[in-house]
Amino acid sequence: MEWAQLVRCVPEDRRNDLDFMVSMLDWEKNIMPDFAAKYFRRPLPVRPVEEMEAEGYREYWITYGANNFSAKELTILPGRTVTLRDAGPYGMVLVQGHGTMGAWSVETPVLIRFGQLTNDEFYVSCKASSEGVKITNTSSCDPIVLFKHFGPNVEAPQA
């Protein structure tokens, strides 16, 4: 990584001042013995789990409580098709399974060689997200698991 990228959040006149950069760290929070008790956020179901499973999926907020970003974990059960809507655009990373998302094939690669394209990362526009994204799990036994990461999201829980 280039130095300019590493120091992009450091005031311009302090970008070569290593002591200043180290002073930017919050040492007390880094050694806080009860860090998890104060900051851990349990995954929260987006809807009642029984309802989601009856429709063929499970979806949980896994990152929330921040104004600028949030994330969900989505599991599509084997052999099921769902159409889900969100309030805004998002990036999607597939971590398990294979199937289709709209017109696109989605799959988790076992091995990625240098320069090889994969079908495990997508961007979903605001229009597509609000109209609904259709995801089909073509496996009879393996779930599709993916992470959706959002910028500011009005649907995300705040605490």
N, C-alpha and C. Protein backbone atom coordinates (compact mmCIF):
# COMPACT_ATOMS: atom_id res chain seq x y z
N MET A 1 0.85 -1.17 0.00
CA MET A 1 0.00 0.00 0.00
C MET A 1 0.89 1.23 0.00
N GLU A 2 0.50 2.20 -0.78
CA GLU A 2 1.29 3.42 -0.86
C GLU A 2 1.13 4.27 0.41
N TRP A 3 2.18 5.01 0.74
CA TRP A 3 2.19 5.83 1.94
C TRP A 3 1.03 6.83 1.93
N ALA A 4 0.75 7.45 0.80
CA ALA A 4 -0.33 8.44 0.72
C ALA A 4 -1.67 7.82 1.12
N GLN A 5 -1.88 6.58 0.78
CA GLN A 5 -3.12 5.90 1.16
C GLN A 5 -3.16 5.62 2.67
N LEU A 6 -2.02 5.27 3.22
CA LEU A 6 -1.94 4.98 4.65
C LEU A 6 -2.22 6.20 5.52
N VAL A 7 -1.83 7.36 5.04
CA VAL A 7 -1.94 8.57 5.86
C VAL A 7 -3.04 9.51 5.38
N ARG A 8 -3.96 9.03 4.58
CA ARG A 8 -4.99 9.91 4.00
C ARG A 8 -5.90 10.55 5.04
N CYS A 9 -6.02 9.97 6.23
CA CYS A 9 -6.87 10.54 7.29
C CYS A 9 -6.07 11.34 8.30
N VAL A 10 -4.79 11.50 8.06
CA VAL A 10 -3.90 12.26 8.96
C VAL A 10 -3.81 13.68 8.42
N PRO A 11 -3.87 14.69 9.31
CA PRO A 11 -3.71 16.07 8.83
C PRO A 11 -2.45 16.20 7.97
N GLU A 12 -2.57 16.95 6.90
CA GLU A 12 -1.49 17.02 5.91
C GLU A 12 -0.14 17.41 6.50
N ASP A 13 -0.14 18.31 7.46
CA ASP A 13 1.13 18.76 8.05
C ASP A 13 1.71 17.75 9.03
N ARG A 14 1.01 16.63 9.33
CA ARG A 14 1.50 15.63 10.28
C ARG A 14 1.73 14.27 9.63
N ARG A 15 1.71 14.18 8.31
CA ARG A 15 1.77 12.89 7.61
C ARG A 15 3.12 12.18 7.69
N ASN A 16 4.15 12.85 8.18
CA ASN A 16 5.43 12.19 8.38
C ASN A 16 5.81 12.14 9.85
N ASP A 17 4.88 12.49 10.71
CA ASP A 17 5.12 12.54 12.16
C ASP A 17 4.59 11.23 12.78
N LEU A 18 5.48 10.24 12.91
CA LEU A 18 5.07 8.94 13.43
C LEU A 18 4.57 9.01 14.86
N ASP A 19 5.16 9.87 15.70
CA ASP A 19 4.68 10.02 17.07
C ASP A 19 3.24 10.51 17.08
N PHE A 20 2.92 11.47 16.21
CA PHE A 20 1.55 11.97 16.14
C PHE A 20 0.60 10.85 15.72
N MET A 21 1.01 10.06 14.73
CA MET A 21 0.13 8.98 14.25
C MET A 21 -0.13 7.96 15.34
N VAL A 22 0.89 7.61 16.13
CA VAL A 22 0.70 6.67 17.23
C VAL A 22 -0.21 7.28 18.29
N SER A 23 -0.12 8.60 18.48
CA SER A 23 -0.98 9.26 19.48
C SER A 23 -2.44 9.26 19.04
N MET A 24 -2.72 9.00 17.79
CA MET A 24 -4.11 8.94 17.30
C MET A 24 -4.83 7.68 17.78
N LEU A 25 -4.07 6.68 18.18
CA LEU A 25 -4.68 5.44 18.67
C LEU A 25 -5.30 5.65 20.04
N ASP A 26 -6.42 5.03 20.27
CA ASP A 26 -7.08 5.09 21.58
C ASP A 26 -6.61 3.87 22.38
N TRP A 27 -5.51 4.06 23.12
CA TRP A 27 -4.89 2.96 23.84
C TRP A 27 -5.82 2.38 24.89
N GLU A 28 -6.59 3.21 25.57
CA GLU A 28 -7.48 2.72 26.62
C GLU A 28 -8.51 1.74 26.04
N LYS A 29 -9.08 2.05 24.90
CA LYS A 29 -10.05 1.13 24.29
C LYS A 29 -9.38 -0.13 23.78
N ASN A 30 -8.12 -0.03 23.37
CA ASN A 30 -7.41 -1.20 22.87
C ASN A 30 -7.04 -2.19 23.97
N ILE A 31 -6.97 -1.73 25.21
CA ILE A 31 -6.64 -2.65 26.30
C ILE A 31 -7.81 -2.81 27.28
N MET A 32 -8.98 -2.33 26.91
CA MET A 32 -10.17 -2.42 27.76
C MET A 32 -10.51 -3.88 28.04
N PRO A 33 -10.52 -4.31 29.29
CA PRO A 33 -10.78 -5.73 29.60
C PRO A 33 -12.22 -6.15 29.29
N ASP A 34 -13.17 -5.22 29.34
CA ASP A 34 -14.57 -5.58 29.06
C ASP A 34 -15.03 -5.04 27.70
N PHE A 35 -14.13 -5.01 26.75
CA PHE A 35 -14.43 -4.48 25.41
C PHE A 35 -15.67 -5.14 24.82
N ALA A 36 -15.74 -6.46 24.86
CA ALA A 36 -16.88 -7.18 24.28
C ALA A 36 -18.18 -6.83 25.00
N ALA A 37 -18.14 -6.71 26.31
CA ALA A 37 -19.35 -6.39 27.06
C ALA A 37 -19.89 -5.02 26.66
N LYS A 38 -19.00 -4.11 26.33
CA LYS A 38 -19.43 -2.76 25.98
C LYS A 38 -19.79 -2.62 24.50
N TYR A 39 -19.09 -3.31 23.60
CA TYR A 39 -19.25 -3.06 22.17
C TYR A 39 -19.85 -4.21 21.35
N PHE A 40 -19.89 -5.41 21.90
CA PHE A 40 -20.41 -6.54 21.13
C PHE A 40 -21.88 -6.34 20.78
N ARG A 41 -22.23 -6.60 19.53
CA ARG A 41 -23.62 -6.51 19.07
C ARG A 41 -24.03 -7.89 18.57
N ARG A 42 -25.00 -8.50 19.25
CA ARG A 42 -25.52 -9.79 18.80
C ARG A 42 -26.20 -9.63 17.45
N PRO A 43 -26.09 -10.64 16.59
CA PRO A 43 -26.86 -10.58 15.35
C PRO A 43 -28.35 -10.46 15.66
N LEU A 44 -29.03 -9.59 14.93
CA LEU A 44 -30.46 -9.37 15.14
C LEU A 44 -31.23 -9.83 13.91
N PRO A 45 -32.23 -10.69 14.08
CA PRO A 45 -33.01 -11.10 12.92
C PRO A 45 -33.74 -9.90 12.32
N VAL A 46 -33.79 -9.86 11.00
CA VAL A 46 -34.46 -8.78 10.30
C VAL A 46 -35.98 -8.87 10.49
N ARG A 47 -36.48 -10.09 10.54
CA ARG A 47 -37.89 -10.38 10.79
C ARG A 47 -37.94 -11.59 11.72
N PRO A 48 -39.11 -11.99 12.20
CA PRO A 48 -39.17 -13.22 13.00
C PRO A 48 -38.59 -14.40 12.22
N VAL A 49 -37.71 -15.15 12.85
CA VAL A 49 -36.97 -16.23 12.19
C VAL A 49 -37.92 -17.26 11.58
N GLU A 50 -38.98 -17.61 12.28
CA GLU A 50 -39.92 -18.62 11.76
C GLU A 50 -40.54 -18.16 10.44
N GLU A 51 -40.88 -16.88 10.33
CA GLU A 51 -41.45 -16.35 9.09
C GLU A 51 -40.44 -16.41 7.95
N MET A 52 -39.21 -16.01 8.25
CA MET A 52 -38.18 -16.03 7.20
C MET A 52 -37.93 -17.45 6.73
N GLU A 53 -37.78 -18.40 7.66
CA GLU A 53 -37.51 -19.78 7.27
C GLU A 53 -38.65 -20.37 6.44
N ALA A 54 -39.89 -20.00 6.75
CA ALA A 54 -41.03 -20.47 5.97
C ALA A 54 -40.94 -19.96 4.53
N GLU A 55 -40.31 -18.79 4.34
CA GLU A 55 -40.15 -18.22 3.00
C GLU A 55 -38.84 -18.66 2.34
N GLY A 56 -38.00 -19.41 3.06
CA GLY A 56 -36.80 -19.98 2.45
C GLY A 56 -35.49 -19.28 2.76
N TYR A 57 -35.46 -18.44 3.77
CA TYR A 57 -34.21 -17.73 4.07
C TYR A 57 -34.14 -17.35 5.54
N ARG A 58 -32.95 -16.88 5.95
CA ARG A 58 -32.71 -16.25 7.25
C ARG A 58 -31.84 -15.02 6.99
N GLU A 59 -32.16 -13.92 7.63
CA GLU A 59 -31.37 -12.71 7.44
C GLU A 59 -31.20 -12.01 8.78
N TYR A 60 -29.96 -11.64 9.08
CA TYR A 60 -29.63 -11.01 10.36
C TYR A 60 -28.81 -9.74 10.13
N TRP A 61 -29.10 -8.71 10.92
CA TRP A 61 -28.19 -7.57 11.00
C TRP A 61 -26.97 -8.05 11.79
N ILE A 62 -25.80 -7.92 11.21
CA ILE A 62 -24.58 -8.33 11.91
C ILE A 62 -23.68 -7.15 12.25
N THR A 63 -23.88 -6.03 11.56
CA THR A 63 -23.17 -4.80 11.89
C THR A 63 -24.21 -3.69 11.90
N TYR A 64 -24.35 -3.04 13.04
CA TYR A 64 -25.36 -1.99 13.16
C TYR A 64 -24.98 -1.08 14.31
N GLY A 65 -25.72 0.00 14.46
CA GLY A 65 -25.44 0.94 15.54
C GLY A 65 -24.48 2.04 15.14
N ALA A 66 -24.05 2.06 13.89
CA ALA A 66 -23.17 3.11 13.38
C ALA A 66 -23.95 3.91 12.33
N ASN A 67 -23.65 5.17 12.20
CA ASN A 67 -24.37 6.00 11.24
C ASN A 67 -23.94 5.78 9.79
N ASN A 68 -22.69 5.40 9.58
CA ASN A 68 -22.14 5.40 8.23
C ASN A 68 -22.09 4.05 7.55
N PHE A 69 -22.32 2.97 8.26
CA PHE A 69 -22.24 1.65 7.63
C PHE A 69 -23.04 0.64 8.43
N SER A 70 -23.42 -0.43 7.76
CA SER A 70 -24.12 -1.54 8.40
C SER A 70 -23.95 -2.76 7.50
N ALA A 71 -24.33 -3.93 8.02
CA ALA A 71 -24.19 -5.15 7.23
C ALA A 71 -25.21 -6.19 7.68
N LYS A 72 -25.58 -7.05 6.74
CA LYS A 72 -26.48 -8.16 7.01
C LYS A 72 -25.83 -9.46 6.53
N GLU A 73 -26.18 -10.54 7.21
CA GLU A 73 -25.84 -11.89 6.74
C GLU A 73 -27.14 -12.51 6.24
N LEU A 74 -27.11 -13.01 5.02
CA LEU A 74 -28.29 -13.62 4.41
C LEU A 74 -27.99 -15.07 4.06
N THR A 75 -28.87 -15.97 4.47
CA THR A 75 -28.76 -17.39 4.13
C THR A 75 -30.00 -17.78 3.34
N ILE A 76 -29.79 -18.33 2.14
CA ILE A 76 -30.88 -18.87 1.32
C ILE A 76 -30.83 -20.37 1.50
N LEU A 77 -31.92 -20.94 1.96
CA LEU A 77 -31.97 -22.38 2.24
C LEU A 77 -31.90 -23.19 0.94
N PRO A 78 -31.40 -24.42 1.02
CA PRO A 78 -31.24 -25.26 -0.19
C PRO A 78 -32.54 -25.41 -0.96
N GLY A 79 -32.41 -25.27 -2.31
CA GLY A 79 -33.54 -25.48 -3.19
C GLY A 79 -34.60 -24.39 -3.18
N ARG A 80 -34.32 -23.26 -2.55
CA ARG A 80 -35.34 -22.21 -2.41
C ARG A 80 -35.00 -20.99 -3.26
N THR A 81 -36.02 -20.22 -3.59
CA THR A 81 -35.90 -18.96 -4.30
C THR A 81 -36.59 -17.89 -3.48
N VAL A 82 -35.91 -16.76 -3.29
CA VAL A 82 -36.49 -15.65 -2.55
C VAL A 82 -36.26 -14.36 -3.33
N THR A 83 -37.14 -13.38 -3.11
CA THR A 83 -36.95 -12.04 -3.65
C THR A 83 -36.97 -11.09 -2.46
N LEU A 84 -35.86 -10.40 -2.25
CA LEU A 84 -35.72 -9.53 -1.08
C LEU A 84 -35.48 -8.09 -1.51
N ARG A 85 -36.02 -7.16 -0.72
CA ARG A 85 -35.88 -5.73 -0.98
C ARG A 85 -35.12 -5.08 0.17
N ASP A 86 -34.33 -4.09 -0.16
CA ASP A 86 -33.62 -3.31 0.84
C ASP A 86 -33.81 -1.83 0.54
N ALA A 87 -33.54 -0.98 1.53
CA ALA A 87 -33.76 0.45 1.41
C ALA A 87 -32.70 1.17 0.58
N GLY A 88 -31.59 0.51 0.31
CA GLY A 88 -30.53 1.20 -0.42
C GLY A 88 -29.60 0.24 -1.12
N PRO A 89 -28.62 0.79 -1.83
CA PRO A 89 -27.66 -0.05 -2.54
C PRO A 89 -26.72 -0.75 -1.57
N TYR A 90 -26.10 -1.82 -2.07
CA TYR A 90 -25.16 -2.54 -1.22
C TYR A 90 -24.17 -3.35 -2.06
N GLY A 91 -23.05 -3.66 -1.43
CA GLY A 91 -22.11 -4.61 -1.97
C GLY A 91 -22.44 -5.97 -1.41
N MET A 92 -22.22 -7.01 -2.19
CA MET A 92 -22.56 -8.36 -1.76
C MET A 92 -21.35 -9.26 -1.96
N VAL A 93 -21.03 -10.04 -0.94
CA VAL A 93 -19.94 -11.01 -1.03
C VAL A 93 -20.51 -12.37 -0.66
N LEU A 94 -20.43 -13.31 -1.58
CA LEU A 94 -20.89 -14.67 -1.35
C LEU A 94 -19.80 -15.43 -0.60
N VAL A 95 -20.17 -16.14 0.47
CA VAL A 95 -19.18 -16.88 1.24
C VAL A 95 -19.43 -18.39 1.23
N GLN A 96 -20.61 -18.81 0.75
CA GLN A 96 -20.89 -20.24 0.68
C GLN A 96 -22.00 -20.47 -0.34
N GLY A 97 -21.86 -21.55 -1.11
CA GLY A 97 -22.94 -22.00 -1.97
C GLY A 97 -22.85 -21.54 -3.41
N HIS A 98 -23.93 -21.89 -4.16
CA HIS A 98 -24.01 -21.51 -5.57
C HIS A 98 -25.47 -21.44 -5.99
N GLY A 99 -25.72 -20.65 -7.03
CA GLY A 99 -27.07 -20.48 -7.54
C GLY A 99 -27.11 -19.31 -8.50
N THR A 100 -28.22 -18.56 -8.46
CA THR A 100 -28.35 -17.38 -9.32
C THR A 100 -28.85 -16.20 -8.50
N MET A 101 -28.47 -15.03 -8.96
CA MET A 101 -28.97 -13.77 -8.42
C MET A 101 -29.42 -12.97 -9.62
N GLY A 102 -30.74 -12.89 -9.82
CA GLY A 102 -31.25 -12.28 -11.05
C GLY A 102 -30.74 -13.09 -12.23
N ALA A 103 -30.14 -12.42 -13.20
CA ALA A 103 -29.62 -13.08 -14.40
C ALA A 103 -28.21 -13.63 -14.21
N TRP A 104 -27.61 -13.41 -13.04
CA TRP A 104 -26.20 -13.74 -12.83
C TRP A 104 -26.04 -15.05 -12.08
N SER A 105 -25.04 -15.83 -12.48
CA SER A 105 -24.63 -17.00 -11.70
C SER A 105 -23.82 -16.51 -10.52
N VAL A 106 -24.06 -17.12 -9.36
CA VAL A 106 -23.26 -16.81 -8.17
C VAL A 106 -22.70 -18.11 -7.64
N GLU A 107 -21.44 -18.06 -7.20
CA GLU A 107 -20.81 -19.25 -6.65
C GLU A 107 -19.60 -18.85 -5.83
N THR A 108 -19.30 -19.68 -4.86
CA THR A 108 -18.12 -19.45 -4.05
C THR A 108 -16.97 -20.24 -4.64
N PRO A 109 -15.91 -19.57 -5.05
CA PRO A 109 -14.79 -20.31 -5.62
C PRO A 109 -14.03 -21.10 -4.57
N VAL A 110 -13.55 -22.26 -4.95
CA VAL A 110 -12.72 -23.06 -4.06
C VAL A 110 -11.28 -22.56 -4.14
N LEU A 111 -10.88 -22.17 -5.34
CA LEU A 111 -9.51 -21.70 -5.56
C LEU A 111 -9.56 -20.59 -6.59
N ILE A 112 -8.88 -19.49 -6.32
CA ILE A 112 -8.82 -18.38 -7.26
C ILE A 112 -7.37 -18.23 -7.71
N ARG A 113 -7.17 -18.31 -8.99
CA ARG A 113 -5.83 -18.11 -9.54
C ARG A 113 -5.67 -16.65 -9.94
N PHE A 114 -4.44 -16.18 -9.95
CA PHE A 114 -4.15 -14.79 -10.27
C PHE A 114 -4.78 -14.40 -11.61
N GLY A 115 -5.51 -13.30 -11.62
CA GLY A 115 -6.13 -12.80 -12.83
C GLY A 115 -7.46 -13.44 -13.18
N GLN A 116 -7.88 -14.44 -12.43
CA GLN A 116 -9.11 -15.16 -12.73
C GLN A 116 -10.32 -14.38 -12.19
N LEU A 117 -11.38 -14.33 -12.98
CA LEU A 117 -12.62 -13.70 -12.52
C LEU A 117 -13.42 -14.67 -11.68
N THR A 118 -14.22 -14.14 -10.75
CA THR A 118 -15.06 -14.98 -9.90
C THR A 118 -16.50 -14.44 -9.91
N ASN A 119 -17.43 -15.24 -9.44
CA ASN A 119 -18.84 -14.86 -9.37
C ASN A 119 -19.29 -14.75 -7.92
N ASP A 120 -18.45 -14.14 -7.08
CA ASP A 120 -18.77 -14.09 -5.65
C ASP A 120 -18.87 -12.68 -5.08
N GLU A 121 -18.71 -11.65 -5.90
CA GLU A 121 -18.83 -10.27 -5.43
C GLU A 121 -19.66 -9.48 -6.42
N PHE A 122 -20.66 -8.76 -5.91
CA PHE A 122 -21.54 -7.98 -6.76
C PHE A 122 -21.90 -6.68 -6.08
N TYR A 123 -22.31 -5.71 -6.88
CA TYR A 123 -22.85 -4.45 -6.38
C TYR A 123 -24.32 -4.42 -6.80
N VAL A 124 -25.21 -4.12 -5.86
CA VAL A 124 -26.64 -4.03 -6.14
C VAL A 124 -27.03 -2.55 -6.05
N SER A 125 -27.54 -2.02 -7.15
CA SER A 125 -27.92 -0.61 -7.20
C SER A 125 -29.14 -0.33 -6.32
N CYS A 126 -29.37 0.93 -6.06
CA CYS A 126 -30.53 1.34 -5.26
C CYS A 126 -31.82 0.92 -5.95
N LYS A 127 -31.89 1.09 -7.26
CA LYS A 127 -33.09 0.72 -8.02
C LYS A 127 -33.36 -0.79 -7.90
N ALA A 128 -32.33 -1.59 -8.16
CA ALA A 128 -32.50 -3.05 -8.08
C ALA A 128 -32.85 -3.48 -6.66
N SER A 129 -32.20 -2.87 -5.68
CA SER A 129 -32.44 -3.22 -4.28
C SER A 129 -33.89 -2.93 -3.87
N SER A 130 -34.41 -1.78 -4.28
CA SER A 130 -35.77 -1.42 -3.89
C SER A 130 -36.82 -2.21 -4.67
N GLU A 131 -36.51 -2.61 -5.91
CA GLU A 131 -37.45 -3.42 -6.70
C GLU A 131 -37.45 -4.88 -6.25
N GLY A 132 -36.34 -5.32 -5.68
CA GLY A 132 -36.23 -6.69 -5.19
C GLY A 132 -35.22 -7.50 -5.97
N VAL A 133 -34.38 -8.21 -5.27
CA VAL A 133 -33.34 -9.05 -5.86
C VAL A 133 -33.75 -10.51 -5.67
N LYS A 134 -33.89 -11.21 -6.79
CA LYS A 134 -34.30 -12.62 -6.76
C LYS A 134 -33.06 -13.50 -6.68
N ILE A 135 -33.00 -14.33 -5.65
CA ILE A 135 -31.85 -15.23 -5.46
C ILE A 135 -32.39 -16.65 -5.39
N THR A 136 -31.78 -17.53 -6.19
CA THR A 136 -32.17 -18.94 -6.22
C THR A 136 -30.99 -19.79 -5.78
N ASN A 137 -31.23 -20.66 -4.82
CA ASN A 137 -30.22 -21.62 -4.39
C ASN A 137 -30.50 -22.91 -5.17
N THR A 138 -29.60 -23.26 -6.08
CA THR A 138 -29.80 -24.43 -6.93
C THR A 138 -29.32 -25.72 -6.29
N SER A 139 -28.75 -25.65 -5.10
CA SER A 139 -28.27 -26.85 -4.42
C SER A 139 -29.42 -27.53 -3.68
N SER A 140 -29.34 -28.84 -3.59
CA SER A 140 -30.34 -29.58 -2.82
C SER A 140 -29.94 -29.72 -1.35
N CYS A 141 -28.68 -29.37 -1.01
CA CYS A 141 -28.25 -29.57 0.37
C CYS A 141 -27.40 -28.45 0.96
N ASP A 142 -26.83 -27.60 0.14
CA ASP A 142 -25.90 -26.57 0.62
C ASP A 142 -26.58 -25.20 0.63
N PRO A 143 -26.56 -24.48 1.75
CA PRO A 143 -27.14 -23.14 1.74
C PRO A 143 -26.27 -22.15 0.98
N ILE A 144 -26.86 -21.08 0.51
CA ILE A 144 -26.11 -19.93 0.02
C ILE A 144 -26.00 -18.98 1.21
N VAL A 145 -24.80 -18.52 1.49
CA VAL A 145 -24.59 -17.54 2.56
C VAL A 145 -23.86 -16.35 1.94
N LEU A 146 -24.37 -15.17 2.19
CA LEU A 146 -23.73 -13.97 1.65
C LEU A 146 -23.82 -12.84 2.65
N PHE A 147 -22.92 -11.90 2.50
CA PHE A 147 -22.91 -10.69 3.32
C PHE A 147 -23.28 -9.52 2.44
N LYS A 148 -24.17 -8.67 2.94
CA LYS A 148 -24.55 -7.44 2.26
C LYS A 148 -24.02 -6.29 3.11
N HIS A 149 -23.20 -5.43 2.51
CA HIS A 149 -22.66 -4.30 3.27
C HIS A 149 -23.18 -2.99 2.68
N PHE A 150 -23.68 -2.15 3.56
CA PHE A 150 -24.36 -0.91 3.20
C PHE A 150 -23.56 0.29 3.67
N GLY A 151 -23.79 1.41 3.03
CA GLY A 151 -23.39 2.70 3.57
C GLY A 151 -24.45 3.08 4.59
N PRO A 152 -24.72 4.37 4.77
CA PRO A 152 -25.80 4.77 5.68
C PRO A 152 -27.10 4.07 5.28
N ASN A 153 -27.80 3.48 6.25
CA ASN A 153 -29.00 2.69 5.95
C ASN A 153 -30.07 3.00 6.99
N VAL A 154 -31.20 3.51 6.52
CA VAL A 154 -32.27 3.90 7.44
C VAL A 154 -32.92 2.70 8.12
N GLU A 155 -32.75 1.51 7.57
CA GLU A 155 -33.35 0.31 8.16
C GLU A 155 -32.52 -0.28 9.30
N ALA A 156 -31.24 0.05 9.36
CA ALA A 156 -30.35 -0.58 10.34
C ALA A 156 -30.72 -0.19 11.76
N PRO A 157 -30.74 -1.16 12.68
CA PRO A 157 -30.97 -0.82 14.09
C PRO A 157 -29.88 0.12 14.59
N GLN A 158 -30.25 0.99 15.51
CA GLN A 158 -29.28 1.96 16.01
C GLN A 158 -28.57 1.52 17.27
N ALA A 159 -29.05 0.49 17.93
CA ALA A 159 -28.33 0.02 19.13
C ALA A 159 -28.53 -1.45 19.32
